[in-house]
Amino acid sequence: MSKSGAAPSEVKVLAKNRRARHEFNIEETFEAGLVLAGSEVKSIRAGKIAMVDAYGDIYKGEAWILGLDIGTYDFSHARNHEARRKRKLLLNRREIDRLTGQVQEKGLTLVPLSLYDKAGRIKVELALVTAKQTWDKRQDQKKKESDREIERAMSRRR
């Protein structure tokens, strides 16, 4: 147990990008750290975050997340952070090189799925994704509906 009374490996999800799972086929997921200012961390923990338009990019050998909207912290000083600035992702060189190849050669996109607090650090769950076609979305919807009907039928039999 840590000083705060919580288990050291406890993960608290701070924000989810629910739309990403609907819009994209997820090929692979991984975890990355974020370089943040103090006011950004406080805003994230207060729930002032929007991940809808966020995406990742590799630029000059470094990984970045763009379009992540972290609202300003009300109790910060006059030099508060910019809400939609680009933020650096903390990854190993091997991971960045591998991602560079996947994004450039295979045409995959980096999309954040969730932001969470892990042992006092803000982490982001990133995914390599491809866009779903409209018919893929319809198939997913039909599958969900059939699963619900099966579950209802099974609960009636009990």
N, C-alpha and C. Protein backbone atom coordinates (compact mmCIF):
# COMPACT_ATOMS: atom_id res chain seq x y z
N MET A 1 0.84 -1.19 0.00
CA MET A 1 0.00 0.00 0.00
C MET A 1 0.88 1.24 0.00
N SER A 2 0.49 2.23 -0.77
CA SER A 2 1.21 3.48 -0.82
C SER A 2 0.70 4.41 0.28
N LYS A 3 1.33 5.57 0.40
CA LYS A 3 0.96 6.53 1.44
C LYS A 3 -0.49 6.98 1.33
N SER A 4 -1.00 7.08 0.10
CA SER A 4 -2.37 7.56 -0.10
C SER A 4 -3.42 6.52 0.25
N GLY A 5 -2.99 5.27 0.49
CA GLY A 5 -3.94 4.23 0.85
C GLY A 5 -4.40 3.40 -0.33
N ALA A 6 -4.03 3.79 -1.54
CA ALA A 6 -4.44 3.06 -2.75
C ALA A 6 -3.36 2.05 -3.12
N ALA A 7 -3.76 1.00 -3.78
CA ALA A 7 -2.80 0.01 -4.24
C ALA A 7 -1.88 0.65 -5.28
N PRO A 8 -0.59 0.31 -5.30
CA PRO A 8 0.35 0.96 -6.22
C PRO A 8 0.04 0.72 -7.70
N SER A 9 -0.56 -0.40 -8.04
CA SER A 9 -0.83 -0.69 -9.45
C SER A 9 -2.24 -0.26 -9.87
N GLU A 10 -2.91 0.49 -9.04
CA GLU A 10 -4.27 0.92 -9.35
C GLU A 10 -4.28 1.91 -10.52
N VAL A 11 -5.20 1.70 -11.44
CA VAL A 11 -5.33 2.56 -12.61
C VAL A 11 -6.69 3.24 -12.55
N LYS A 12 -6.69 4.57 -12.67
CA LYS A 12 -7.94 5.32 -12.65
C LYS A 12 -8.13 5.98 -14.02
N VAL A 13 -9.15 5.56 -14.75
CA VAL A 13 -9.42 6.11 -16.08
C VAL A 13 -9.98 7.52 -15.91
N LEU A 14 -9.34 8.49 -16.57
CA LEU A 14 -9.73 9.88 -16.47
C LEU A 14 -10.57 10.35 -17.66
N ALA A 15 -10.33 9.75 -18.84
CA ALA A 15 -11.09 10.11 -20.04
C ALA A 15 -11.01 8.96 -21.03
N LYS A 16 -12.11 8.76 -21.78
CA LYS A 16 -12.16 7.73 -22.80
C LYS A 16 -12.59 8.34 -24.12
N ASN A 17 -12.06 7.78 -25.20
CA ASN A 17 -12.46 8.18 -26.54
C ASN A 17 -13.38 7.08 -27.07
N ARG A 18 -14.66 7.12 -26.67
CA ARG A 18 -15.61 6.07 -27.04
C ARG A 18 -15.87 6.04 -28.54
N ARG A 19 -15.79 7.17 -29.16
CA ARG A 19 -16.06 7.25 -30.58
C ARG A 19 -15.00 6.51 -31.40
N ALA A 20 -13.77 6.44 -30.91
CA ALA A 20 -12.68 5.79 -31.64
C ALA A 20 -12.97 4.32 -31.87
N ARG A 21 -13.53 3.64 -30.88
CA ARG A 21 -13.82 2.21 -31.04
C ARG A 21 -14.94 1.97 -32.05
N HIS A 22 -15.79 2.97 -32.24
CA HIS A 22 -16.87 2.85 -33.22
C HIS A 22 -16.39 3.19 -34.64
N GLU A 23 -15.51 4.17 -34.75
CA GLU A 23 -15.07 4.68 -36.05
C GLU A 23 -13.91 3.89 -36.67
N PHE A 24 -13.12 3.17 -35.86
CA PHE A 24 -11.89 2.55 -36.35
C PHE A 24 -11.81 1.07 -36.01
N ASN A 25 -11.06 0.33 -36.83
CA ASN A 25 -10.65 -1.04 -36.51
C ASN A 25 -9.32 -0.94 -35.78
N ILE A 26 -9.25 -1.44 -34.57
CA ILE A 26 -8.04 -1.33 -33.76
C ILE A 26 -7.13 -2.51 -34.08
N GLU A 27 -5.92 -2.18 -34.55
CA GLU A 27 -4.94 -3.20 -34.91
C GLU A 27 -4.08 -3.58 -33.70
N GLU A 28 -3.61 -2.58 -32.96
CA GLU A 28 -2.71 -2.82 -31.83
C GLU A 28 -2.79 -1.65 -30.87
N THR A 29 -2.68 -1.92 -29.56
CA THR A 29 -2.69 -0.86 -28.56
C THR A 29 -1.40 -0.88 -27.76
N PHE A 30 -1.04 0.27 -27.22
CA PHE A 30 0.13 0.38 -26.36
C PHE A 30 0.00 1.60 -25.47
N GLU A 31 0.87 1.70 -24.49
CA GLU A 31 0.83 2.76 -23.47
C GLU A 31 1.99 3.72 -23.68
N ALA A 32 1.72 5.02 -23.47
CA ALA A 32 2.76 6.05 -23.57
C ALA A 32 2.54 7.09 -22.48
N GLY A 33 3.62 7.71 -22.07
CA GLY A 33 3.54 8.82 -21.14
C GLY A 33 3.33 10.11 -21.91
N LEU A 34 2.99 11.18 -21.20
CA LEU A 34 2.77 12.49 -21.82
C LEU A 34 3.60 13.54 -21.10
N VAL A 35 4.15 14.49 -21.85
CA VAL A 35 4.83 15.62 -21.24
C VAL A 35 3.77 16.70 -21.03
N LEU A 36 3.48 17.00 -19.76
CA LEU A 36 2.41 17.94 -19.42
C LEU A 36 2.90 19.01 -18.46
N ALA A 37 2.24 20.15 -18.47
CA ALA A 37 2.47 21.20 -17.48
C ALA A 37 1.61 20.89 -16.25
N GLY A 38 1.94 21.47 -15.12
CA GLY A 38 1.21 21.21 -13.89
C GLY A 38 -0.26 21.56 -13.98
N SER A 39 -0.57 22.67 -14.64
CA SER A 39 -1.98 23.07 -14.77
C SER A 39 -2.74 22.10 -15.66
N GLU A 40 -2.05 21.47 -16.62
CA GLU A 40 -2.70 20.48 -17.48
C GLU A 40 -3.07 19.24 -16.69
N VAL A 41 -2.20 18.80 -15.82
CA VAL A 41 -2.47 17.62 -14.99
C VAL A 41 -3.68 17.88 -14.11
N LYS A 42 -3.74 19.05 -13.51
CA LYS A 42 -4.88 19.38 -12.64
C LYS A 42 -6.17 19.47 -13.43
N SER A 43 -6.12 20.01 -14.65
CA SER A 43 -7.32 20.08 -15.49
C SER A 43 -7.79 18.69 -15.89
N ILE A 44 -6.85 17.80 -16.23
CA ILE A 44 -7.21 16.43 -16.60
C ILE A 44 -7.87 15.73 -15.44
N ARG A 45 -7.30 15.86 -14.27
CA ARG A 45 -7.88 15.21 -13.08
C ARG A 45 -9.23 15.81 -12.71
N ALA A 46 -9.47 17.06 -13.11
CA ALA A 46 -10.77 17.70 -12.87
C ALA A 46 -11.78 17.34 -13.95
N GLY A 47 -11.34 16.61 -14.99
CA GLY A 47 -12.25 16.15 -16.03
C GLY A 47 -12.44 17.12 -17.19
N LYS A 48 -11.58 18.11 -17.31
CA LYS A 48 -11.71 19.10 -18.39
C LYS A 48 -10.88 18.66 -19.60
N ILE A 49 -11.33 17.61 -20.27
CA ILE A 49 -10.58 17.07 -21.39
C ILE A 49 -11.52 16.55 -22.46
N ALA A 50 -11.16 16.76 -23.72
CA ALA A 50 -11.91 16.23 -24.86
C ALA A 50 -10.92 15.54 -25.80
N MET A 51 -11.22 14.28 -26.13
CA MET A 51 -10.31 13.48 -26.95
C MET A 51 -10.87 13.20 -28.34
N VAL A 52 -11.95 13.82 -28.72
CA VAL A 52 -12.66 13.47 -29.95
C VAL A 52 -11.78 13.66 -31.19
N ASP A 53 -11.11 14.79 -31.34
CA ASP A 53 -10.33 15.09 -32.54
C ASP A 53 -8.85 14.76 -32.39
N ALA A 54 -8.45 14.10 -31.33
CA ALA A 54 -7.03 13.86 -31.07
C ALA A 54 -6.48 12.74 -31.95
N TYR A 55 -5.22 12.89 -32.33
CA TYR A 55 -4.52 11.86 -33.09
C TYR A 55 -3.02 11.99 -32.82
N GLY A 56 -2.29 10.94 -33.11
CA GLY A 56 -0.85 10.93 -32.91
C GLY A 56 -0.11 11.10 -34.22
N ASP A 57 1.13 11.60 -34.14
CA ASP A 57 1.95 11.80 -35.32
C ASP A 57 3.42 11.62 -34.94
N ILE A 58 4.21 11.18 -35.91
CA ILE A 58 5.66 11.05 -35.72
C ILE A 58 6.29 12.16 -36.54
N TYR A 59 7.06 13.04 -35.88
CA TYR A 59 7.68 14.17 -36.55
C TYR A 59 9.12 14.30 -36.09
N LYS A 60 10.06 14.22 -37.04
CA LYS A 60 11.50 14.34 -36.76
C LYS A 60 11.95 13.35 -35.69
N GLY A 61 11.46 12.12 -35.76
CA GLY A 61 11.90 11.08 -34.84
C GLY A 61 11.29 11.17 -33.44
N GLU A 62 10.28 12.01 -33.26
CA GLU A 62 9.61 12.12 -31.96
C GLU A 62 8.12 11.90 -32.16
N ALA A 63 7.47 11.33 -31.15
CA ALA A 63 6.03 11.07 -31.20
C ALA A 63 5.29 12.22 -30.52
N TRP A 64 4.22 12.69 -31.16
CA TRP A 64 3.43 13.81 -30.66
C TRP A 64 1.96 13.45 -30.70
N ILE A 65 1.18 14.06 -29.81
CA ILE A 65 -0.27 13.94 -29.85
C ILE A 65 -0.83 15.34 -30.13
N LEU A 66 -1.70 15.41 -31.12
CA LEU A 66 -2.27 16.69 -31.56
C LEU A 66 -3.79 16.65 -31.41
N GLY A 67 -4.38 17.81 -31.21
CA GLY A 67 -5.84 17.90 -31.14
C GLY A 67 -6.43 17.49 -29.81
N LEU A 68 -5.61 17.18 -28.82
CA LEU A 68 -6.09 16.82 -27.48
C LEU A 68 -6.44 18.12 -26.78
N ASP A 69 -7.70 18.30 -26.43
CA ASP A 69 -8.19 19.55 -25.85
C ASP A 69 -8.26 19.43 -24.33
N ILE A 70 -7.30 20.05 -23.66
CA ILE A 70 -7.28 20.08 -22.19
C ILE A 70 -7.65 21.50 -21.77
N GLY A 71 -8.80 21.63 -21.12
CA GLY A 71 -9.28 22.95 -20.71
C GLY A 71 -8.34 23.63 -19.73
N THR A 72 -8.44 24.95 -19.66
CA THR A 72 -7.57 25.69 -18.74
C THR A 72 -7.99 25.44 -17.30
N TYR A 73 -7.02 25.49 -16.41
CA TYR A 73 -7.26 25.27 -14.99
C TYR A 73 -7.64 26.61 -14.36
N ASP A 74 -8.80 26.65 -13.72
CA ASP A 74 -9.35 27.90 -13.20
C ASP A 74 -8.47 28.57 -12.15
N PHE A 75 -7.77 27.79 -11.34
CA PHE A 75 -7.02 28.34 -10.23
C PHE A 75 -5.54 28.54 -10.54
N SER A 76 -5.19 28.46 -11.81
CA SER A 76 -3.81 28.64 -12.22
C SER A 76 -3.48 30.13 -12.34
N HIS A 77 -2.19 30.42 -12.46
CA HIS A 77 -1.76 31.81 -12.61
C HIS A 77 -2.07 32.31 -14.02
N ALA A 78 -1.69 33.52 -14.31
CA ALA A 78 -2.05 34.17 -15.58
C ALA A 78 -1.47 33.44 -16.79
N ARG A 79 -0.33 32.78 -16.64
CA ARG A 79 0.30 32.08 -17.77
C ARG A 79 -0.17 30.63 -17.81
N ASN A 80 -1.44 30.44 -18.04
CA ASN A 80 -2.03 29.11 -18.11
C ASN A 80 -1.62 28.45 -19.43
N HIS A 81 -1.81 27.16 -19.55
CA HIS A 81 -1.42 26.42 -20.75
C HIS A 81 -2.41 26.65 -21.90
N GLU A 82 -1.96 26.41 -23.12
CA GLU A 82 -2.84 26.48 -24.29
C GLU A 82 -3.67 25.20 -24.32
N ALA A 83 -4.93 25.31 -24.63
CA ALA A 83 -5.84 24.17 -24.57
C ALA A 83 -5.53 23.09 -25.61
N ARG A 84 -5.18 23.46 -26.83
CA ARG A 84 -5.02 22.49 -27.92
C ARG A 84 -3.59 22.43 -28.46
N ARG A 85 -2.59 22.66 -27.65
CA ARG A 85 -1.21 22.60 -28.12
C ARG A 85 -0.80 21.16 -28.38
N LYS A 86 0.27 20.98 -29.16
CA LYS A 86 0.75 19.62 -29.38
C LYS A 86 1.58 19.20 -28.17
N ARG A 87 1.45 17.94 -27.78
CA ARG A 87 2.12 17.42 -26.60
C ARG A 87 2.98 16.22 -26.97
N LYS A 88 4.15 16.16 -26.38
CA LYS A 88 5.10 15.10 -26.70
C LYS A 88 4.71 13.80 -25.98
N LEU A 89 4.82 12.69 -26.71
CA LEU A 89 4.59 11.37 -26.14
C LEU A 89 5.92 10.77 -25.71
N LEU A 90 5.92 10.10 -24.58
CA LEU A 90 7.13 9.49 -24.06
C LEU A 90 7.14 8.00 -24.42
N LEU A 91 7.96 7.65 -25.40
CA LEU A 91 8.09 6.28 -25.88
C LEU A 91 9.56 5.95 -26.04
N ASN A 92 9.89 4.67 -26.05
CA ASN A 92 11.25 4.23 -26.32
C ASN A 92 11.58 4.43 -27.79
N ARG A 93 12.85 4.56 -28.11
CA ARG A 93 13.29 4.73 -29.49
C ARG A 93 12.80 3.58 -30.37
N ARG A 94 12.88 2.35 -29.85
CA ARG A 94 12.43 1.17 -30.60
C ARG A 94 10.96 1.28 -30.95
N GLU A 95 10.14 1.72 -29.99
CA GLU A 95 8.70 1.87 -30.22
C GLU A 95 8.42 2.95 -31.27
N ILE A 96 9.14 4.06 -31.18
CA ILE A 96 8.94 5.15 -32.13
C ILE A 96 9.32 4.69 -33.54
N ASP A 97 10.45 3.98 -33.67
CA ASP A 97 10.87 3.49 -34.99
C ASP A 97 9.84 2.52 -35.57
N ARG A 98 9.32 1.64 -34.74
CA ARG A 98 8.32 0.68 -35.18
C ARG A 98 7.03 1.38 -35.61
N LEU A 99 6.61 2.37 -34.82
CA LEU A 99 5.41 3.13 -35.16
C LEU A 99 5.59 3.92 -36.46
N THR A 100 6.78 4.47 -36.65
CA THR A 100 7.07 5.22 -37.86
C THR A 100 6.86 4.33 -39.08
N GLY A 101 7.39 3.12 -39.02
CA GLY A 101 7.22 2.18 -40.13
C GLY A 101 5.76 1.83 -40.36
N GLN A 102 5.02 1.57 -39.28
CA GLN A 102 3.61 1.19 -39.42
C GLN A 102 2.77 2.34 -39.99
N VAL A 103 3.03 3.55 -39.52
CA VAL A 103 2.23 4.70 -39.96
C VAL A 103 2.55 5.07 -41.41
N GLN A 104 3.84 5.08 -41.77
CA GLN A 104 4.21 5.50 -43.12
C GLN A 104 4.00 4.42 -44.17
N GLU A 105 4.36 3.17 -43.86
CA GLU A 105 4.30 2.12 -44.87
C GLU A 105 2.92 1.48 -44.99
N LYS A 106 2.30 1.19 -43.86
CA LYS A 106 1.01 0.51 -43.89
C LYS A 106 -0.18 1.47 -43.94
N GLY A 107 0.07 2.76 -43.70
CA GLY A 107 -1.02 3.73 -43.75
C GLY A 107 -1.92 3.70 -42.53
N LEU A 108 -1.42 3.22 -41.39
CA LEU A 108 -2.20 3.20 -40.16
C LEU A 108 -2.18 4.58 -39.51
N THR A 109 -3.10 4.81 -38.59
CA THR A 109 -3.21 6.08 -37.88
C THR A 109 -3.08 5.83 -36.39
N LEU A 110 -2.47 6.78 -35.68
CA LEU A 110 -2.37 6.71 -34.22
C LEU A 110 -3.54 7.47 -33.62
N VAL A 111 -4.30 6.81 -32.75
CA VAL A 111 -5.46 7.44 -32.12
C VAL A 111 -5.42 7.12 -30.62
N PRO A 112 -5.62 8.14 -29.75
CA PRO A 112 -5.69 7.86 -28.32
C PRO A 112 -7.04 7.25 -27.96
N LEU A 113 -7.02 6.19 -27.15
CA LEU A 113 -8.26 5.54 -26.72
C LEU A 113 -8.69 6.00 -25.34
N SER A 114 -7.72 6.19 -24.45
CA SER A 114 -8.07 6.64 -23.10
C SER A 114 -6.89 7.32 -22.44
N LEU A 115 -7.19 8.12 -21.43
CA LEU A 115 -6.20 8.78 -20.59
C LEU A 115 -6.44 8.28 -19.18
N TYR A 116 -5.39 7.88 -18.49
CA TYR A 116 -5.57 7.35 -17.14
C TYR A 116 -4.40 7.69 -16.24
N ASP A 117 -4.65 7.61 -14.96
CA ASP A 117 -3.66 7.86 -13.93
C ASP A 117 -3.14 6.52 -13.46
N LYS A 118 -1.85 6.30 -13.60
CA LYS A 118 -1.23 5.04 -13.19
C LYS A 118 -0.07 5.38 -12.27
N ALA A 119 -0.24 5.09 -11.01
CA ALA A 119 0.79 5.34 -9.99
C ALA A 119 1.22 6.82 -9.98
N GLY A 120 0.25 7.72 -10.10
CA GLY A 120 0.54 9.14 -10.02
C GLY A 120 1.00 9.77 -11.32
N ARG A 121 1.09 9.01 -12.38
CA ARG A 121 1.52 9.51 -13.68
C ARG A 121 0.34 9.45 -14.66
N ILE A 122 0.22 10.46 -15.51
CA ILE A 122 -0.82 10.46 -16.53
C ILE A 122 -0.29 9.69 -17.75
N LYS A 123 -1.01 8.67 -18.15
CA LYS A 123 -0.63 7.84 -19.30
C LYS A 123 -1.74 7.91 -20.33
N VAL A 124 -1.39 7.62 -21.58
CA VAL A 124 -2.37 7.57 -22.66
C VAL A 124 -2.28 6.20 -23.32
N GLU A 125 -3.43 5.61 -23.59
CA GLU A 125 -3.49 4.35 -24.32
C GLU A 125 -3.70 4.70 -25.78
N LEU A 126 -2.69 4.39 -26.60
CA LEU A 126 -2.74 4.69 -28.03
C LEU A 126 -3.04 3.42 -28.81
N ALA A 127 -3.62 3.61 -29.98
CA ALA A 127 -3.91 2.46 -30.84
C ALA A 127 -3.52 2.78 -32.27
N LEU A 128 -3.01 1.77 -32.96
CA LEU A 128 -2.81 1.84 -34.40
C LEU A 128 -4.12 1.38 -35.02
N VAL A 129 -4.72 2.21 -35.85
CA VAL A 129 -6.07 1.92 -36.36
C VAL A 129 -6.16 2.11 -37.87
N THR A 130 -7.19 1.47 -38.43
CA THR A 130 -7.61 1.73 -39.80
C THR A 130 -9.08 2.16 -39.73
N ALA A 131 -9.50 2.97 -40.68
CA ALA A 131 -10.88 3.47 -40.67
C ALA A 131 -11.85 2.36 -41.04
N LYS A 132 -12.99 2.34 -40.37
CA LYS A 132 -14.06 1.39 -40.69
C LYS A 132 -14.89 1.95 -41.84
N GLN A 133 -15.36 1.06 -42.69
CA GLN A 133 -16.29 1.45 -43.73
C GLN A 133 -17.70 1.48 -43.14
N THR A 134 -18.63 2.11 -43.81
CA THR A 134 -20.00 2.20 -43.31
C THR A 134 -20.62 0.83 -43.10
N TRP A 135 -20.36 -0.10 -44.01
CA TRP A 135 -20.93 -1.44 -43.87
C TRP A 135 -20.35 -2.18 -42.69
N ASP A 136 -19.08 -1.89 -42.32
CA ASP A 136 -18.49 -2.48 -41.11
C ASP A 136 -19.27 -2.04 -39.87
N LYS A 137 -19.61 -0.77 -39.83
CA LYS A 137 -20.34 -0.23 -38.68
C LYS A 137 -21.72 -0.88 -38.59
N ARG A 138 -22.36 -1.08 -39.74
CA ARG A 138 -23.67 -1.72 -39.74
C ARG A 138 -23.57 -3.16 -39.26
N GLN A 139 -22.53 -3.87 -39.68
CA GLN A 139 -22.34 -5.25 -39.23
C GLN A 139 -22.13 -5.30 -37.71
N ASP A 140 -21.35 -4.37 -37.18
CA ASP A 140 -21.13 -4.31 -35.74
C ASP A 140 -22.44 -4.07 -35.00
N GLN A 141 -23.27 -3.17 -35.53
CA GLN A 141 -24.55 -2.86 -34.91
C GLN A 141 -25.47 -4.09 -34.92
N LYS A 142 -25.51 -4.81 -36.05
CA LYS A 142 -26.33 -6.01 -36.15
C LYS A 142 -25.85 -7.07 -35.16
N LYS A 143 -24.54 -7.21 -35.02
CA LYS A 143 -23.99 -8.20 -34.09
C LYS A 143 -24.38 -7.86 -32.65
N LYS A 144 -24.30 -6.58 -32.29
CA LYS A 144 -24.69 -6.15 -30.93
C LYS A 144 -26.17 -6.46 -30.68
N GLU A 145 -27.01 -6.15 -31.66
CA GLU A 145 -28.44 -6.40 -31.50
C GLU A 145 -28.74 -7.90 -31.37
N SER A 146 -28.09 -8.72 -32.18
CA SER A 146 -28.33 -10.17 -32.09
C SER A 146 -27.83 -10.73 -30.76
N ASP A 147 -26.71 -10.22 -30.26
CA ASP A 147 -26.20 -10.65 -28.96
C ASP A 147 -27.18 -10.28 -27.84
N ARG A 148 -27.77 -9.09 -27.93
CA ARG A 148 -28.76 -8.67 -26.93
C ARG A 148 -29.98 -9.58 -26.97
N GLU A 149 -30.45 -9.91 -28.18
CA GLU A 149 -31.62 -10.79 -28.31
C GLU A 149 -31.33 -12.18 -27.74
N ILE A 150 -30.17 -12.70 -28.00
CA ILE A 150 -29.77 -14.01 -27.47
C ILE A 150 -29.74 -13.96 -25.95
N GLU A 151 -29.17 -12.88 -25.41
CA GLU A 151 -29.09 -12.73 -23.95
C GLU A 151 -30.49 -12.65 -23.34
N ARG A 152 -31.40 -11.93 -23.98
CA ARG A 152 -32.78 -11.82 -23.48
C ARG A 152 -33.46 -13.19 -23.50
N ALA A 153 -33.27 -13.93 -24.57
CA ALA A 153 -33.87 -15.25 -24.68
C ALA A 153 -33.33 -16.19 -23.61
N MET A 154 -32.05 -16.12 -23.36
CA MET A 154 -31.44 -16.97 -22.34
C MET A 154 -31.94 -16.60 -20.95
N SER A 155 -32.12 -15.29 -20.69
CA SER A 155 -32.60 -14.88 -19.36
C SER A 155 -34.06 -15.29 -19.16
N ARG A 156 -34.87 -15.34 -20.21
CA ARG A 156 -36.27 -15.78 -20.09
C ARG A 156 -36.35 -17.28 -19.77
N ARG A 157 -35.42 -18.05 -20.30
CA ARG A 157 -35.44 -19.51 -20.09
C ARG A 157 -35.06 -19.87 -18.66
N ARG A 158 -34.34 -19.01 -18.00
CA ARG A 158 -33.86 -19.30 -16.63
C ARG A 158 -34.95 -19.17 -15.68
